[in-house]
Amino acid sequence: MIRHIVFFSVKRKEDVEAVRSGLQALGTIPHSKHFEVTLNTKVDLFSNAIDVVVYAEFEDEAALAAYKAHPIYAETTCKVKPMRELRFSADVVAAA
C-alpha cells in the first residue's frame, strides 16, 4: 500500500477554506482506498506553516499513477495552485 501525503500552505489566510474545499474534489477520483482533506490544527511547538493536508491510500503504484493522471487531478491543480504558497508531497510504502 502507498500512503500519499501532501502538505499545503496558502498565500492568503482567507483562501484556506477555498483550498480545502477545492482539494476535496480529488476524493471523487476512484483510485484511492482512503482519502481525506483536513486543516492543520497548528499546535506544533516549532512550525505551523502548513494549512491543509491531503492524505490518501492506494493499493499500489499503478493506482497512484492512475489517480495523478485523472482529469480531475489536473483540474484541481489548476484551481488550487494559484492560492497555494508551498506544496510538499510524500509517497511512502506502508509496512506490511
Protein backbone atom coordinates (compact mmCIF):
# COMPACT_ATOMS: atom_id res chain seq x y z
CA MET A 1 0.00 0.00 0.00
CA ILE A 2 1.15 3.53 -0.82
CA ARG A 3 0.41 6.40 1.55
CA HIS A 4 0.19 9.72 -0.29
CA ILE A 5 0.54 12.76 1.98
CA VAL A 6 0.57 16.33 0.69
CA PHE A 7 1.04 19.47 2.78
CA PHE A 8 -0.07 22.90 1.57
CA SER A 9 0.44 26.41 2.83
CA VAL A 10 -1.87 29.07 1.49
CA LYS A 11 -0.76 32.54 0.37
CA ARG A 12 -3.72 34.39 1.87
CA LYS A 13 -5.31 33.10 5.06
CA GLU A 14 -8.77 33.99 3.75
CA ASP A 15 -8.25 31.36 0.99
CA VAL A 16 -7.59 28.41 3.31
CA GLU A 17 -11.19 27.17 3.11
CA ALA A 18 -11.26 27.57 -0.68
CA VAL A 19 -8.10 25.45 -0.94
CA ARG A 20 -9.50 22.82 1.42
CA SER A 21 -12.81 22.57 -0.41
CA GLY A 22 -11.09 22.63 -3.81
CA LEU A 23 -8.84 19.73 -2.83
CA GLN A 24 -11.84 17.68 -1.72
CA ALA A 25 -12.66 17.16 -5.41
CA LEU A 26 -9.68 14.79 -5.53
CA GLY A 27 -11.70 12.41 -3.35
CA THR A 28 -14.03 11.76 -6.28
CA ILE A 29 -11.20 10.13 -8.23
CA PRO A 30 -11.92 6.38 -7.96
CA HIS A 31 -8.37 5.02 -7.48
CA SER A 32 -7.81 5.65 -3.76
CA LYS A 33 -8.74 3.21 -0.99
CA HIS A 34 -8.95 6.05 1.53
CA PHE A 35 -8.98 9.82 1.01
CA GLU A 36 -9.28 12.84 3.29
CA VAL A 37 -8.53 16.57 3.32
CA THR A 38 -8.05 18.21 6.70
CA LEU A 39 -6.98 21.51 8.17
CA ASN A 40 -3.79 21.55 10.21
CA THR A 41 -4.57 22.02 13.90
CA LYS A 42 -1.42 24.17 14.23
CA VAL A 43 -0.42 23.01 17.68
CA ASP A 44 3.20 22.12 16.84
CA LEU A 45 5.79 23.87 19.00
CA PHE A 46 8.24 24.51 16.15
CA SER A 47 6.32 25.24 12.95
CA ASN A 48 2.74 25.86 11.92
CA ALA A 49 3.32 26.87 8.30
CA ILE A 50 1.12 24.10 6.88
CA ASP A 51 -2.57 24.97 6.44
CA VAL A 52 -4.11 21.96 4.65
CA VAL A 53 -3.19 18.27 4.47
CA VAL A 54 -4.28 15.67 1.90
CA TYR A 55 -3.95 12.05 2.99
CA ALA A 56 -4.77 9.15 0.68
CA GLU A 57 -4.02 5.45 0.47
CA PHE A 58 -3.53 3.49 -2.75
CA GLU A 59 -3.27 -0.23 -3.37
CA ASP A 60 -0.07 0.15 -5.39
CA GLU A 61 1.99 2.49 -7.57
CA ALA A 62 -0.27 1.85 -10.55
CA ALA A 63 -3.32 3.10 -8.63
CA LEU A 64 -1.41 6.21 -7.51
CA ALA A 65 -0.27 6.87 -11.09
CA ALA A 66 -3.86 6.49 -12.36
CA TYR A 67 -5.04 8.94 -9.68
CA LYS A 68 -2.44 11.52 -10.75
CA ALA A 69 -3.32 11.01 -14.44
CA HIS A 70 -7.07 11.54 -13.89
CA PRO A 71 -8.57 14.74 -15.41
CA ILE A 72 -9.98 15.82 -12.02
CA TYR A 73 -6.41 15.87 -10.65
CA ALA A 74 -5.34 18.33 -13.37
CA GLU A 75 -8.48 20.46 -12.92
CA THR A 76 -7.97 20.62 -9.16
CA THR A 77 -4.32 21.56 -9.55
CA CYS A 78 -5.26 24.46 -11.86
CA LYS A 79 -7.87 25.67 -9.38
CA VAL A 80 -5.76 25.41 -6.21
CA LYS A 81 -2.23 26.20 -7.41
CA PRO A 82 -2.71 30.00 -7.66
CA MET A 83 -3.79 30.12 -3.99
CA ARG A 84 -1.03 27.98 -2.51
CA GLU A 85 2.39 29.09 -1.39
CA LEU A 86 4.11 25.79 -0.62
CA ARG A 87 3.36 22.19 -1.51
CA PHE A 88 5.25 19.25 -0.05
CA SER A 89 4.37 15.72 -1.09
CA ALA A 90 5.45 12.30 0.14
CA ASP A 91 4.53 8.87 -1.23
CA VAL A 92 5.59 6.13 1.13
CA VAL A 93 5.19 2.38 1.07
CA ALA A 94 3.38 1.19 4.17
CA ALA A 95 4.95 -1.67 6.09
CA ALA A 96 3.10 -4.93 5.59
